[in-house]
C-alpha atoms as a PDB file:
ATOM      1  CA  MET A   1      35.707  16.722  19.838  1.00  0.00           C
ATOM      2  CA  GLY A   2      33.716  13.778  18.402  1.00  0.00           C
ATOM      3  CA  ASP A   3      32.744  14.065  14.751  1.00  0.00           C
ATOM      4  CA  CYS A   4      30.536  10.906  14.738  1.00  0.00           C
ATOM      5  CA  ILE A   5      27.038  10.743  16.140  1.00  0.00           C
ATOM      6  CA  VAL A   6      25.159   7.430  16.524  1.00  0.00           C
ATOM      7  CA  ILE A   7      21.403   7.894  16.509  1.00  0.00           C
ATOM      8  CA  ILE A   8      19.524   5.251  18.455  1.00  0.00           C
ATOM      9  CA  PRO A   9      15.721   5.335  18.486  1.00  0.00           C
ATOM     10  CA  THR A  10      14.087   3.748  21.517  1.00  0.00           C
ATOM     11  CA  PHE A  11      10.685   2.623  22.704  1.00  0.00           C
ATOM     12  CA  ASN A  12      10.726   0.390  25.786  1.00  0.00           C
ATOM     13  CA  GLU A  13      14.397  -0.540  25.576  1.00  0.00           C
ATOM     14  CA  ILE A  14      15.290  -0.269  29.240  1.00  0.00           C
ATOM     15  CA  GLU A  15      16.701  -3.828  29.161  1.00  0.00           C
ATOM     16  CA  ASN A  16      19.221  -2.918  26.503  1.00  0.00           C
ATOM     17  CA  ILE A  17      20.013   0.776  26.508  1.00  0.00           C
ATOM     18  CA  GLU A  18      22.493   1.032  29.397  1.00  0.00           C
ATOM     19  CA  ALA A  19      24.638  -1.783  28.064  1.00  0.00           C
ATOM     20  CA  MET A  20      24.477  -0.345  24.536  1.00  0.00           C
ATOM     21  CA  LEU A  21      25.482   3.115  25.641  1.00  0.00           C
ATOM     22  CA  ARG A  22      28.363   1.883  27.799  1.00  0.00           C
ATOM     23  CA  LYS A  23      29.609  -0.209  24.898  1.00  0.00           C
ATOM     24  CA  VAL A  24      29.617   2.681  22.469  1.00  0.00           C
ATOM     25  CA  MET A  25      31.255   4.922  25.067  1.00  0.00           C
ATOM     26  CA  SER A  26      34.035   2.399  25.371  1.00  0.00           C
ATOM     27  CA  LEU A  27      34.892   2.810  21.704  1.00  0.00           C
ATOM     28  CA  ASP A  28      36.882   5.587  20.073  1.00  0.00           C
ATOM     29  CA  GLY A  29      36.016   8.940  21.723  1.00  0.00           C
ATOM     30  CA  ARG A  30      34.955  10.239  18.246  1.00  0.00           C
ATOM     31  CA  PHE A  31      31.659   8.405  18.813  1.00  0.00           C
ATOM     32  CA  HIS A  32      28.854  10.277  20.458  1.00  0.00           C
ATOM     33  CA  VAL A  33      25.272   8.957  20.861  1.00  0.00           C
ATOM     34  CA  LEU A  34      21.839  10.578  20.507  1.00  0.00           C
ATOM     35  CA  VAL A  35      18.975   8.571  21.900  1.00  0.00           C
ATOM     36  CA  VAL A  36      15.619   9.546  20.463  1.00  0.00           C
ATOM     37  CA  ASP A  37      13.068   8.118  22.808  1.00  0.00           C
ATOM     38  CA  ASP A  38       9.325   7.985  22.051  1.00  0.00           C
ATOM     39  CA  ASN A  39       8.273   8.590  25.642  1.00  0.00           C
ATOM     40  CA  SER A  40       8.842   4.982  26.627  1.00  0.00           C
ATOM     41  CA  PRO A  41       6.561   3.994  29.606  1.00  0.00           C
ATOM     42  CA  ASP A  42       9.253   1.647  30.935  1.00  0.00           C
ATOM     43  CA  GLY A  43      11.549   4.539  31.875  1.00  0.00           C
ATOM     44  CA  THR A  44      14.127   4.220  29.118  1.00  0.00           C
ATOM     45  CA  ALA A  45      14.611   8.001  28.879  1.00  0.00           C
ATOM     46  CA  ASN A  46      15.189   8.323  32.659  1.00  0.00           C
ATOM     47  CA  LEU A  47      17.896   5.704  32.453  1.00  0.00           C
ATOM     48  CA  VAL A  48      19.618   7.549  29.685  1.00  0.00           C
ATOM     49  CA  ARG A  49      19.422  10.781  31.606  1.00  0.00           C
ATOM     50  CA  SER A  50      21.151   9.090  34.574  1.00  0.00           C
ATOM     51  CA  LEU A  51      24.105   8.231  32.329  1.00  0.00           C
ATOM     52  CA  ILE A  52      24.566  11.661  30.763  1.00  0.00           C
ATOM     53  CA  PRO A  53      26.639  13.168  33.615  1.00  0.00           C
ATOM     54  CA  GLU A  54      29.020  10.164  33.529  1.00  0.00           C
ATOM     55  CA  PHE A  55      29.755  10.815  29.830  1.00  0.00           C
ATOM     56  CA  THR A  56      29.478  14.548  29.615  1.00  0.00           C
ATOM     57  CA  GLY A  57      29.163  15.810  26.048  1.00  0.00           C
ATOM     58  CA  ARG A  58      28.963  12.330  24.503  1.00  0.00           C
ATOM     59  CA  ILE A  59      25.469  11.083  25.373  1.00  0.00           C
ATOM     60  CA  HIS A  60      22.530  13.143  24.312  1.00  0.00           C
ATOM     61  CA  LEU A  61      18.754  12.564  24.630  1.00  0.00           C
ATOM     62  CA  GLU A  62      15.686  13.798  22.791  1.00  0.00           C
ATOM     63  CA  VAL A  63      12.274  12.668  24.062  1.00  0.00           C
ATOM     64  CA  ARG A  64       9.255  12.874  21.763  1.00  0.00           C
ATOM     65  CA  SER A  65       5.698  12.995  23.132  1.00  0.00           C
ATOM     66  CA  LYS A  66       4.529   9.684  21.687  1.00  0.00           C
ATOM     67  CA  LYS A  67       5.494   6.656  19.567  1.00  0.00           C
ATOM     68  CA  SER A  68       5.533   8.025  16.042  1.00  0.00           C
ATOM     69  CA  GLY A  69       7.476   5.475  14.017  1.00  0.00           C
ATOM     70  CA  LEU A  70      11.121   4.610  13.354  1.00  0.00           C
ATOM     71  CA  GLY A  71      11.426   6.823  10.281  1.00  0.00           C
ATOM     72  CA  THR A  72      10.251   9.940  12.006  1.00  0.00           C
ATOM     73  CA  ALA A  73      12.574   9.220  14.953  1.00  0.00           C
ATOM     74  CA  TYR A  74      15.567   9.015  12.674  1.00  0.00           C
ATOM     75  CA  VAL A  75      14.634  12.186  10.798  1.00  0.00           C
ATOM     76  CA  HIS A  76      14.291  13.965  14.124  1.00  0.00           C
ATOM     77  CA  GLY A  77      17.762  12.716  15.000  1.00  0.00           C
ATOM     78  CA  PHE A  78      19.151  13.665  11.562  1.00  0.00           C
ATOM     79  CA  ARG A  79      17.921  17.230  11.963  1.00  0.00           C
ATOM     80  CA  TRP A  80      19.419  17.453  15.448  1.00  0.00           C
ATOM     81  CA  ALA A  81      22.788  16.206  14.173  1.00  0.00           C
ATOM     82  CA  LEU A  82      22.871  18.547  11.206  1.00  0.00           C
ATOM     83  CA  GLU A  83      22.391  21.526  13.529  1.00  0.00           C
ATOM     84  CA  ARG A  84      25.738  20.526  15.006  1.00  0.00           C
ATOM     85  CA  ASP A  85      29.177  19.856  13.556  1.00  0.00           C
ATOM     86  CA  TYR A  86      29.040  16.054  13.124  1.00  0.00           C
ATOM     87  CA  ALA A  87      30.654  14.838   9.882  1.00  0.00           C
ATOM     88  CA  PHE A  88      29.384  11.250  10.071  1.00  0.00           C
ATOM     89  CA  ILE A  89      25.861  10.332  11.189  1.00  0.00           C
ATOM     90  CA  PHE A  90      24.959   6.749  12.037  1.00  0.00           C
ATOM     91  CA  GLU A  91      21.742   4.706  12.392  1.00  0.00           C
ATOM     92  CA  MET A  92      21.810   1.794  14.866  1.00  0.00           C
ATOM     93  CA  ASP A  93      19.332  -0.299  16.811  1.00  0.00           C
ATOM     94  CA  ALA A  94      19.297  -0.357  20.586  1.00  0.00           C
ATOM     95  CA  ASP A  95      19.008  -4.132  21.032  1.00  0.00           C
ATOM     96  CA  PHE A  96      22.464  -5.308  19.983  1.00  0.00           C
ATOM     97  CA  SER A  97      21.234  -6.796  16.734  1.00  0.00           C
ATOM     98  CA  HIS A  98      23.840  -4.409  15.346  1.00  0.00           C
ATOM     99  CA  ASN A  99      27.247  -4.928  16.876  1.00  0.00           C
ATOM    100  CA  PRO A 100      28.727  -1.634  18.029  1.00  0.00           C
ATOM    101  CA  ASP A 101      32.202  -2.912  17.198  1.00  0.00           C
ATOM    102  CA  ASP A 102      31.206  -2.631  13.530  1.00  0.00           C
ATOM    103  CA  LEU A 103      30.751   1.164  13.792  1.00  0.00           C
ATOM    104  CA  SER A 104      34.411   1.599  12.958  1.00  0.00           C
ATOM    105  CA  LYS A 105      34.017  -0.518   9.785  1.00  0.00           C
ATOM    106  CA  LEU A 106      31.177   1.737   8.566  1.00  0.00           C
ATOM    107  CA  LEU A 107      33.160   4.840   9.443  1.00  0.00           C
ATOM    108  CA  ASN A 108      36.193   3.537   7.558  1.00  0.00           C
ATOM    109  CA  ALA A 109      34.081   2.919   4.478  1.00  0.00           C
ATOM    110  CA  CYS A 110      32.819   6.540   4.515  1.00  0.00           C
ATOM    111  CA  GLU A 111      36.328   7.897   5.120  1.00  0.00           C
ATOM    112  CA  THR A 112      37.673   5.987   2.137  1.00  0.00           C
ATOM    113  CA  GLY A 113      35.171   6.969  -0.524  1.00  0.00           C
ATOM    114  CA  ALA A 114      31.591   5.925   0.397  1.00  0.00           C
ATOM    115  CA  ASP A 115      28.917   8.526   0.925  1.00  0.00           C
ATOM    116  CA  MET A 116      26.660   6.006   2.603  1.00  0.00           C
ATOM    117  CA  ALA A 117      28.042   2.818   4.219  1.00  0.00           C
ATOM    118  CA  ILE A 118      25.421   0.061   4.783  1.00  0.00           C
ATOM    119  CA  GLY A 119      25.950  -2.735   7.293  1.00  0.00           C
ATOM    120  CA  SER A 120      24.872  -5.587   5.084  1.00  0.00           C
ATOM    121  CA  ARG A 121      23.520  -8.959   6.164  1.00  0.00           C
ATOM    122  CA  TYR A 122      23.567 -10.366   2.643  1.00  0.00           C
ATOM    123  CA  ILE A 123      26.707  -9.155   0.757  1.00  0.00           C
ATOM    124  CA  THR A 124      28.666 -12.333   1.729  1.00  0.00           C
ATOM    125  CA  GLY A 125      25.815 -14.817   1.975  1.00  0.00           C
ATOM    126  CA  VAL A 126      23.155 -14.764   4.707  1.00  0.00           C
ATOM    127  CA  ASN A 127      24.744 -13.503   7.943  1.00  0.00           C
ATOM    128  CA  VAL A 128      21.758 -13.561  10.309  1.00  0.00           C
ATOM    129  CA  VAL A 129      21.684 -15.224  13.755  1.00  0.00           C
ATOM    130  CA  ASN A 130      18.579 -16.296  15.709  1.00  0.00           C
ATOM    131  CA  TRP A 131      15.978 -15.315  13.159  1.00  0.00           C
ATOM    132  CA  PRO A 132      13.348 -17.887  12.134  1.00  0.00           C
ATOM    133  CA  LEU A 133      13.643 -19.033   8.560  1.00  0.00           C
ATOM    134  CA  SER A 134      10.430 -17.244   7.628  1.00  0.00           C
ATOM    135  CA  ARG A 135      11.880 -13.889   8.726  1.00  0.00           C
ATOM    136  CA  VAL A 136      15.192 -14.494   6.968  1.00  0.00           C
ATOM    137  CA  LEU A 137      13.370 -15.324   3.681  1.00  0.00           C
ATOM    138  CA  LEU A 138      11.108 -12.258   4.069  1.00  0.00           C
ATOM    139  CA  SER A 139      14.024  -9.950   4.494  1.00  0.00           C
ATOM    140  CA  TYR A 140      16.226 -11.603   1.820  1.00  0.00           C
ATOM    141  CA  PHE A 141      13.585 -11.635  -0.891  1.00  0.00           C
ATOM    142  CA  ALA A 142      12.425  -8.140   0.011  1.00  0.00           C
ATOM    143  CA  SER A 143      15.872  -6.884  -0.930  1.00  0.00           C
ATOM    144  CA  ILE A 144      15.753  -8.832  -4.255  1.00  0.00           C
ATOM    145  CA  TYR A 145      12.352  -7.267  -4.913  1.00  0.00           C
ATOM    146  CA  VAL A 146      13.703  -3.759  -4.167  1.00  0.00           C
ATOM    147  CA  LYS A 147      16.668  -4.352  -6.419  1.00  0.00           C
ATOM    148  CA  ILE A 148      14.438  -5.307  -9.366  1.00  0.00           C
ATOM    149  CA  ILE A 149      11.992  -2.410  -8.890  1.00  0.00           C
ATOM    150  CA  THR A 150      14.495   0.354  -8.173  1.00  0.00           C
ATOM    151  CA  GLY A 151      17.624  -0.680 -10.060  1.00  0.00           C
ATOM    152  CA  MET A 152      19.809  -0.196  -6.979  1.00  0.00           C
ATOM    153  CA  LYS A 153      22.637  -2.757  -6.731  1.00  0.00           C
ATOM    154  CA  ILE A 154      22.090  -3.191  -3.016  1.00  0.00           C
ATOM    155  CA  ASN A 155      21.882  -6.640  -1.472  1.00  0.00           C
ATOM    156  CA  ASP A 156      20.351  -5.521   1.831  1.00  0.00           C
ATOM    157  CA  ALA A 157      17.944  -2.693   0.994  1.00  0.00           C
ATOM    158  CA  THR A 158      16.078  -2.877   4.387  1.00  0.00           C
ATOM    159  CA  ALA A 159      19.274  -2.701   6.476  1.00  0.00           C
ATOM    160  CA  GLY A 160      19.140  -0.219   9.343  1.00  0.00           C
ATOM    161  CA  PHE A 161      22.829  -0.098  10.349  1.00  0.00           C
ATOM    162  CA  ILE A 162      24.201   2.821   8.384  1.00  0.00           C
ATOM    163  CA  CYS A 163      26.823   5.581   8.282  1.00  0.00           C
ATOM    164  CA  TYR A 164      26.099   8.750   6.280  1.00  0.00           C
ATOM    165  CA  ARG A 165      28.405  11.542   5.389  1.00  0.00           C
ATOM    166  CA  ARG A 166      26.493  14.647   6.480  1.00  0.00           C
ATOM    167  CA  GLU A 167      26.334  15.895   2.885  1.00  0.00           C
ATOM    168  CA  VAL A 168      23.931  13.047   2.016  1.00  0.00           C
ATOM    169  CA  LEU A 169      21.422  14.093   4.690  1.00  0.00           C
ATOM    170  CA  GLU A 170      21.785  17.750   3.709  1.00  0.00           C
ATOM    171  CA  LYS A 171      20.955  17.094   0.081  1.00  0.00           C
ATOM    172  CA  ILE A 172      18.347  14.300  -0.125  1.00  0.00           C
ATOM    173  CA  GLY A 173      15.440  16.340   1.303  1.00  0.00           C
ATOM    174  CA  LEU A 174      14.572  15.145   4.786  1.00  0.00           C
ATOM    175  CA  ASP A 175      11.297  17.120   4.603  1.00  0.00           C
ATOM    176  CA  ARG A 176      10.161  14.751   1.778  1.00  0.00           C
ATOM    177  CA  ILE A 177      10.810  11.450   3.588  1.00  0.00           C
ATOM    178  CA  ARG A 178       7.422   9.631   3.694  1.00  0.00           C
ATOM    179  CA  PHE A 179       7.859   6.218   5.303  1.00  0.00           C
ATOM    180  CA  ILE A 180       8.413   5.006   8.856  1.00  0.00           C
ATOM    181  CA  GLY A 181       9.390   1.242   8.843  1.00  0.00           C
ATOM    182  CA  TYR A 182      11.167  -1.027   6.390  1.00  0.00           C
ATOM    183  CA  ALA A 183      10.143   1.396   3.623  1.00  0.00           C
ATOM    184  CA  PHE A 184      11.970   4.247   5.392  1.00  0.00           C
ATOM    185  CA  GLN A 185      15.213   2.323   5.148  1.00  0.00           C
ATOM    186  CA  ILE A 186      14.563   1.711   1.443  1.00  0.00           C
ATOM    187  CA  GLU A 187      13.559   5.294   0.824  1.00  0.00           C
ATOM    188  CA  MET A 188      16.721   6.687   2.351  1.00  0.00           C
ATOM    189  CA  LYS A 189      18.919   4.495   0.214  1.00  0.00           C
ATOM    190  CA  TYR A 190      16.937   5.209  -2.942  1.00  0.00           C
ATOM    191  CA  ARG A 191      16.989   8.923  -2.412  1.00  0.00           C
ATOM    192  CA  ALA A 192      20.777   8.858  -1.877  1.00  0.00           C
ATOM    193  CA  PHE A 193      21.196   6.581  -4.913  1.00  0.00           C
ATOM    194  CA  SER A 194      18.981   8.820  -7.093  1.00  0.00           C
ATOM    195  CA  THR A 195      20.875  11.920  -5.985  1.00  0.00           C
ATOM    196  CA  GLY A 196      24.131  10.357  -7.235  1.00  0.00           C
ATOM    197  CA  PHE A 197      25.788   9.452  -3.938  1.00  0.00           C
ATOM    198  CA  ARG A 198      27.985   6.383  -3.628  1.00  0.00           C
ATOM    199  CA  LEU A 199      26.493   3.573  -1.563  1.00  0.00           C
ATOM    200  CA  VAL A 200      28.772   0.847  -0.282  1.00  0.00           C
ATOM    201  CA  GLU A 201      27.822  -2.342   1.562  1.00  0.00           C
ATOM    202  CA  VAL A 202      29.969  -3.535   4.464  1.00  0.00           C
ATOM    203  CA  PRO A 203      29.522  -7.143   5.627  1.00  0.00           C
ATOM    204  CA  ILE A 204      28.185  -7.565   9.201  1.00  0.00           C
ATOM    205  CA  ILE A 205      26.630 -10.324  11.257  1.00  0.00           C
ATOM    206  CA  PHE A 206      23.134  -9.493  12.391  1.00  0.00           C
ATOM    207  CA  THR A 207      22.013 -11.094  15.649  1.00  0.00           C
ATOM    208  CA  ASP A 208      18.379 -10.892  16.639  1.00  0.00           C
ATOM    209  CA  ARG A 209      17.509  -9.319  19.942  1.00  0.00           C
ATOM    210  CA  THR A 210      17.608 -11.437  23.125  1.00  0.00           C
ATOM    211  CA  LEU A 211      15.930  -8.875  25.380  1.00  0.00           C
ATOM    212  CA  GLY A 212      12.805  -6.696  24.720  1.00  0.00           C
ATOM    213  CA  LYS A 213      10.240  -7.090  22.021  1.00  0.00           C
ATOM    214  CA  SER A 214      10.472  -6.633  18.239  1.00  0.00           C
ATOM    215  CA  LYS A 215       8.577  -3.675  16.711  1.00  0.00           C
ATOM    216  CA  MET A 216       7.870  -5.524  13.395  1.00  0.00           C
ATOM    217  CA  SER A 217       4.297  -5.587  12.188  1.00  0.00           C
ATOM    218  CA  ASN A 218       2.196  -6.498   9.138  1.00  0.00           C
ATOM    219  CA  ALA A 219       1.587  -2.818   8.522  1.00  0.00           C
ATOM    220  CA  ILE A 220       5.327  -2.166   8.329  1.00  0.00           C
ATOM    221  CA  ILE A 221       5.788  -4.978   5.843  1.00  0.00           C
ATOM    222  CA  SER A 222       2.844  -3.746   3.687  1.00  0.00           C
ATOM    223  CA  GLU A 223       4.288  -0.262   3.665  1.00  0.00           C
ATOM    224  CA  ALA A 224       7.594  -1.601   2.297  1.00  0.00           C
ATOM    225  CA  VAL A 225       5.997  -3.598  -0.458  1.00  0.00           C
ATOM    226  CA  LEU A 226       3.810  -0.772  -1.729  1.00  0.00           C
ATOM    227  CA  GLY A 227       6.277   1.962  -0.897  1.00  0.00           C
ATOM    228  CA  VAL A 228       8.934   0.673  -3.287  1.00  0.00           C
ATOM    229  CA  VAL A 229       6.616   0.963  -6.213  1.00  0.00           C
ATOM    230  CA  TRP A 230       5.578   4.442  -5.120  1.00  0.00           C
ATOM    231  CA  LEU A 231       9.218   5.577  -4.922  1.00  0.00           C
ATOM    232  CA  ARG A 232      10.014   4.273  -8.429  1.00  0.00           C
ATOM    233  CA  VAL A 233       6.947   5.826 -10.019  1.00  0.00           C
ATOM    234  CA  ARG A 234       7.656   9.167  -8.320  1.00  0.00           C
ATOM    235  CA  ASN A 235      11.244   9.087  -9.569  1.00  0.00           C
ATOM    236  CA  ILE A 236      10.180   8.253 -13.121  1.00  0.00           C
ATOM    237  CA  PHE A 237       8.072  11.419 -13.171  1.00  0.00           C
ATOM    238  CA  ASN A 238      10.941  13.388 -11.533  1.00  0.00           C
ATOM    239  CA  ARG A 239       8.930  14.085  -8.405  1.00  0.00           C
ATOM    240  CA  LEU A 240      11.039  12.179  -5.870  1.00  0.00           C
END
């Protein structure tokens, strides 16, 4: 019985999803996958369905009615996982920007004392491949900004490759999560930090997608910039 569930949100990821699922399935049998698809018009969900019989009990699919944001997709997946017996719950992108081989590194961190293990691009320098310099600088300085505002000693606050012990997701209040993009990733870390959980960064190499299209937008960036201040103010007044 697998005790690890990897949540992968998708929207138009038909070019990546089969290879990603087969890769994760080739790893330790402890790893299961839940794909949360936002009704992708390219047929992503149908492709996932076709693989479920081949990996009975290890690949799962939830299809939502429309594209509703990364954060809400993860919260949907978290709730699904918490209704089952998974001890370790992961976030990971579908596009191979996160290397599935690093799942075991994140799991090991949580099995040896971390409550939340973060796949960090910046803990040992800048480990990013194929991003333009402008994107690297945006991400890097965003994390510095978050560190200054929130007081978290995290070098990669917007990272989206994460392992949680289930107790973290049970206690931080999923019903109070407000953000959907970069700010969602920051909010999850800040809520865990503020609740007293131990956050540990694990060095990874992040490689930008080669297939499919990025979901980044100016609205997502703006949400992150303003959302960090909102989180800090709410916490000061004990209303997080």
